[in-house]
């Protein structure tokens, strides 16, 4: 594996898909943006506004990894988080890499042709989702969330 720096390439399997890894380019203090769709806003009469974010928002996709954007890469490219909150997304929030790693998760780069700032978080266990929800900080809060 290549070392830290611009030349780092995430490891890939024989099909060309990024495999779980912990990127040397993502520092502990780095922030990751998780985009939220309305399917993860659930009814809750105990909260102001009547809706809250579900722990289901923090799960890996069927092809592996929980999708995030690496905020420092977005900033370097001149992109604002709010500019990426377009349908189907209704909001976005931050997670901190060190906090995810403290939960035994891997935080890596997973660049896509349409989104070179894309990353992924692996080993997101159901037992850790409540902690992720507690660590999540809204950047763009949906109107339904007070």
C-alpha atoms as a PDB file:
ATOM      1  CA  UNK A   1       0.000   0.000   0.000  1.00  0.00           C
ATOM      2  CA  UNK A   2       1.265   3.446  -0.841  1.00  0.00           C
ATOM      3  CA  UNK A   3       2.079   5.782   2.036  1.00  0.00           C
ATOM      4  CA  UNK A   4       0.479   8.998   3.111  1.00  0.00           C
ATOM      5  CA  UNK A   5       0.126  11.667   0.468  1.00  0.00           C
ATOM      6  CA  UNK A   6      -1.390  12.618  -2.826  1.00  0.00           C
ATOM      7  CA  UNK A   7      -0.169   9.385  -4.440  1.00  0.00           C
ATOM      8  CA  UNK A   8      -2.114   7.112  -2.069  1.00  0.00           C
ATOM      9  CA  UNK A   9      -4.487   4.836  -3.920  1.00  0.00           C
ATOM     10  CA  UNK A  10      -7.077   2.913  -1.929  1.00  0.00           C
ATOM     11  CA  UNK A  11      -6.713  -0.867  -2.180  1.00  0.00           C
ATOM     12  CA  UNK A  12      -9.034  -2.592  -4.657  1.00  0.00           C
ATOM     13  CA  UNK A  13     -10.172  -6.156  -5.223  1.00  0.00           C
ATOM     14  CA  UNK A  14      -9.988  -8.039  -8.533  1.00  0.00           C
ATOM     15  CA  UNK A  15     -13.278  -6.399  -9.644  1.00  0.00           C
ATOM     16  CA  UNK A  16     -11.835  -2.927  -9.077  1.00  0.00           C
ATOM     17  CA  UNK A  17     -13.945  -2.171  -6.006  1.00  0.00           C
ATOM     18  CA  UNK A  18     -12.354  -0.456  -3.019  1.00  0.00           C
ATOM     19  CA  UNK A  19     -11.853  -2.860  -0.130  1.00  0.00           C
ATOM     20  CA  UNK A  20     -12.141  -1.907   3.546  1.00  0.00           C
ATOM     21  CA  UNK A  21      -9.099   0.022   4.699  1.00  0.00           C
ATOM     22  CA  UNK A  22      -8.070   2.770   7.065  1.00  0.00           C
ATOM     23  CA  UNK A  23      -6.683   5.602   4.946  1.00  0.00           C
ATOM     24  CA  UNK A  24      -3.447   7.249   6.026  1.00  0.00           C
ATOM     25  CA  UNK A  25      -4.741  10.457   4.376  1.00  0.00           C
ATOM     26  CA  UNK A  26      -7.675  10.830   6.775  1.00  0.00           C
ATOM     27  CA  UNK A  27      -6.477  12.271  10.077  1.00  0.00           C
ATOM     28  CA  UNK A  28      -8.313  11.736  13.351  1.00  0.00           C
ATOM     29  CA  UNK A  29      -9.548  15.326  13.402  1.00  0.00           C
ATOM     30  CA  UNK A  30     -10.878  15.128   9.842  1.00  0.00           C
ATOM     31  CA  UNK A  31     -14.612  15.391   9.394  1.00  0.00           C
ATOM     32  CA  UNK A  32     -16.787  13.202   7.236  1.00  0.00           C
ATOM     33  CA  UNK A  33     -20.106  14.280   5.803  1.00  0.00           C
ATOM     34  CA  UNK A  34     -23.010  11.859   5.892  1.00  0.00           C
ATOM     35  CA  UNK A  35     -25.940  12.811   3.658  1.00  0.00           C
ATOM     36  CA  UNK A  36     -29.432  11.966   4.889  1.00  0.00           C
ATOM     37  CA  UNK A  37     -32.547  10.984   2.937  1.00  0.00           C
ATOM     38  CA  UNK A  38     -36.067  11.395   4.320  1.00  0.00           C
ATOM     39  CA  UNK A  39     -36.439   7.637   4.827  1.00  0.00           C
ATOM     40  CA  UNK A  40     -34.256   8.066   7.929  1.00  0.00           C
ATOM     41  CA  UNK A  41     -36.460  10.744   9.492  1.00  0.00           C
ATOM     42  CA  UNK A  42     -38.862   8.924  11.782  1.00  0.00           C
ATOM     43  CA  UNK A  43     -41.957  10.052  13.659  1.00  0.00           C
ATOM     44  CA  UNK A  44     -41.374  10.734  17.343  1.00  0.00           C
ATOM     45  CA  UNK A  45     -44.045  12.582  19.334  1.00  0.00           C
ATOM     46  CA  UNK A  46     -41.556  13.187  22.164  1.00  0.00           C
ATOM     47  CA  UNK A  47     -39.426  15.615  20.128  1.00  0.00           C
ATOM     48  CA  UNK A  48     -40.159  19.144  18.990  1.00  0.00           C
ATOM     49  CA  UNK A  49     -41.238  19.011  15.355  1.00  0.00           C
ATOM     50  CA  UNK A  50     -42.369  15.400  15.647  1.00  0.00           C
ATOM     51  CA  UNK A  51     -39.459  13.807  13.766  1.00  0.00           C
ATOM     52  CA  UNK A  52     -35.943  12.704  14.589  1.00  0.00           C
ATOM     53  CA  UNK A  53     -33.063  11.003  12.838  1.00  0.00           C
ATOM     54  CA  UNK A  54     -33.103   7.213  13.001  1.00  0.00           C
ATOM     55  CA  UNK A  55     -30.083   5.066  13.806  1.00  0.00           C
ATOM     56  CA  UNK A  56     -30.833   3.377  10.473  1.00  0.00           C
ATOM     57  CA  UNK A  57     -29.118   6.348   8.814  1.00  0.00           C
ATOM     58  CA  UNK A  58     -25.850   4.797   9.922  1.00  0.00           C
ATOM     59  CA  UNK A  59     -25.558   1.523   8.083  1.00  0.00           C
ATOM     60  CA  UNK A  60     -23.407   0.083   5.360  1.00  0.00           C
ATOM     61  CA  UNK A  61     -24.749  -0.234   1.844  1.00  0.00           C
ATOM     62  CA  UNK A  62     -25.271  -3.643   0.285  1.00  0.00           C
ATOM     63  CA  UNK A  63     -22.037  -3.254  -1.681  1.00  0.00           C
ATOM     64  CA  UNK A  64     -20.079  -2.434   1.474  1.00  0.00           C
ATOM     65  CA  UNK A  65     -19.267   0.624   3.518  1.00  0.00           C
ATOM     66  CA  UNK A  66     -21.282   3.561   4.767  1.00  0.00           C
ATOM     67  CA  UNK A  67     -20.969   6.373   2.233  1.00  0.00           C
ATOM     68  CA  UNK A  68     -19.505   9.684   3.345  1.00  0.00           C
ATOM     69  CA  UNK A  69     -17.749  12.626   1.751  1.00  0.00           C
ATOM     70  CA  UNK A  70     -14.344  13.654   3.054  1.00  0.00           C
ATOM     71  CA  UNK A  71     -14.895  17.288   4.004  1.00  0.00           C
ATOM     72  CA  UNK A  72     -11.297  18.482   3.626  1.00  0.00           C
ATOM     73  CA  UNK A  73     -11.297  17.237   0.023  1.00  0.00           C
ATOM     74  CA  UNK A  74     -14.545  19.096  -0.617  1.00  0.00           C
ATOM     75  CA  UNK A  75     -13.133  22.292   0.880  1.00  0.00           C
ATOM     76  CA  UNK A  76      -9.950  21.969  -1.198  1.00  0.00           C
ATOM     77  CA  UNK A  77     -12.136  21.682  -4.307  1.00  0.00           C
ATOM     78  CA  UNK A  78     -14.191  24.734  -3.289  1.00  0.00           C
ATOM     79  CA  UNK A  79     -17.376  22.765  -2.600  1.00  0.00           C
ATOM     80  CA  UNK A  80     -19.811  23.611   0.181  1.00  0.00           C
ATOM     81  CA  UNK A  81     -21.646  20.850   2.018  1.00  0.00           C
ATOM     82  CA  UNK A  82     -24.975  22.624   1.513  1.00  0.00           C
ATOM     83  CA  UNK A  83     -24.487  22.613  -2.264  1.00  0.00           C
ATOM     84  CA  UNK A  84     -24.558  18.796  -2.250  1.00  0.00           C
ATOM     85  CA  UNK A  85     -27.827  18.544  -0.291  1.00  0.00           C
ATOM     86  CA  UNK A  86     -30.018  17.982  -3.327  1.00  0.00           C
ATOM     87  CA  UNK A  87     -32.770  15.397  -3.805  1.00  0.00           C
ATOM     88  CA  UNK A  88     -32.868  12.665  -2.717  1.00  0.00           C
ATOM     89  CA  UNK A  89     -30.940  14.171   0.213  1.00  0.00           C
ATOM     90  CA  UNK A  90     -32.745  16.353   2.760  1.00  0.00           C
ATOM     91  CA  UNK A  91     -29.863  17.058   5.122  1.00  0.00           C
ATOM     92  CA  UNK A  92     -26.252  16.387   6.040  1.00  0.00           C
ATOM     93  CA  UNK A  93     -24.108  16.168   9.116  1.00  0.00           C
ATOM     94  CA  UNK A  94     -20.572  15.640  10.349  1.00  0.00           C
ATOM     95  CA  UNK A  95     -18.838  12.726  11.965  1.00  0.00           C
ATOM     96  CA  UNK A  96     -15.238  12.855  13.198  1.00  0.00           C
ATOM     97  CA  UNK A  97     -12.819  10.207  11.956  1.00  0.00           C
ATOM     98  CA  UNK A  98     -11.159   9.618  15.356  1.00  0.00           C
ATOM     99  CA  UNK A  99     -14.534   8.971  17.002  1.00  0.00           C
ATOM    100  CA  UNK A 100     -15.374   6.370  14.361  1.00  0.00           C
ATOM    101  CA  UNK A 101     -11.990   4.711  14.755  1.00  0.00           C
ATOM    102  CA  UNK A 102     -12.488   4.629  18.529  1.00  0.00           C
ATOM    103  CA  UNK A 103     -15.551   2.468  17.775  1.00  0.00           C
ATOM    104  CA  UNK A 104     -13.321   0.040  15.809  1.00  0.00           C
ATOM    105  CA  UNK A 105     -14.485   1.295  12.408  1.00  0.00           C
ATOM    106  CA  UNK A 106     -12.272   1.776   9.368  1.00  0.00           C
ATOM    107  CA  UNK A 107     -12.351   5.164   7.615  1.00  0.00           C
ATOM    108  CA  UNK A 108     -11.138   5.195   4.044  1.00  0.00           C
ATOM    109  CA  UNK A 109     -11.174   6.777   0.650  1.00  0.00           C
ATOM    110  CA  UNK A 110     -13.565   5.456  -1.993  1.00  0.00           C
ATOM    111  CA  UNK A 111     -13.394   7.949  -4.860  1.00  0.00           C
ATOM    112  CA  UNK A 112     -16.089   7.691  -7.512  1.00  0.00           C
ATOM    113  CA  UNK A 113     -15.976   9.093 -11.047  1.00  0.00           C
ATOM    114  CA  UNK A 114     -18.885  11.395 -10.214  1.00  0.00           C
ATOM    115  CA  UNK A 115     -17.568  12.209  -6.714  1.00  0.00           C
ATOM    116  CA  UNK A 116     -13.794  12.173  -6.122  1.00  0.00           C
ATOM    117  CA  UNK A 117     -14.376  13.297  -2.496  1.00  0.00           C
ATOM    118  CA  UNK A 118     -16.279  10.127  -1.634  1.00  0.00           C
ATOM    119  CA  UNK A 119     -15.161   7.919   1.211  1.00  0.00           C
ATOM    120  CA  UNK A 120     -16.542   5.019   3.189  1.00  0.00           C
ATOM    121  CA  UNK A 121     -16.737   3.769   6.739  1.00  0.00           C
ATOM    122  CA  UNK A 122     -16.544   0.019   7.315  1.00  0.00           C
ATOM    123  CA  UNK A 123     -17.414  -2.206  10.282  1.00  0.00           C
ATOM    124  CA  UNK A 124     -20.501  -0.152  11.138  1.00  0.00           C
ATOM    125  CA  UNK A 125     -22.181  -2.580  13.508  1.00  0.00           C
ATOM    126  CA  UNK A 126     -25.793  -2.257  14.576  1.00  0.00           C
ATOM    127  CA  UNK A 127     -24.625  -2.118  18.196  1.00  0.00           C
ATOM    128  CA  UNK A 128     -22.641   1.072  17.391  1.00  0.00           C
ATOM    129  CA  UNK A 129     -25.335   3.013  15.527  1.00  0.00           C
ATOM    130  CA  UNK A 130     -26.702   4.762  18.629  1.00  0.00           C
ATOM    131  CA  UNK A 131     -23.213   6.109  19.361  1.00  0.00           C
ATOM    132  CA  UNK A 132     -22.975   7.368  15.770  1.00  0.00           C
ATOM    133  CA  UNK A 133     -26.313   9.106  16.169  1.00  0.00           C
ATOM    134  CA  UNK A 134     -25.032  10.789  19.338  1.00  0.00           C
ATOM    135  CA  UNK A 135     -21.824  11.908  17.582  1.00  0.00           C
ATOM    136  CA  UNK A 136     -23.580  13.178  14.449  1.00  0.00           C
ATOM    137  CA  UNK A 137     -23.772  16.982  14.171  1.00  0.00           C
ATOM    138  CA  UNK A 138     -26.148  18.541  11.652  1.00  0.00           C
ATOM    139  CA  UNK A 139     -24.599  20.851   9.053  1.00  0.00           C
ATOM    140  CA  UNK A 140     -27.758  21.128   6.964  1.00  0.00           C
ATOM    141  CA  UNK A 141     -30.776  20.256   9.082  1.00  0.00           C
ATOM    142  CA  UNK A 142     -33.967  19.080   7.364  1.00  0.00           C
ATOM    143  CA  UNK A 143     -37.001  21.309   7.890  1.00  0.00           C
ATOM    144  CA  UNK A 144     -38.790  18.411   9.635  1.00  0.00           C
ATOM    145  CA  UNK A 145     -36.174  18.319  12.413  1.00  0.00           C
ATOM    146  CA  UNK A 146     -36.557  21.033  15.024  1.00  0.00           C
END
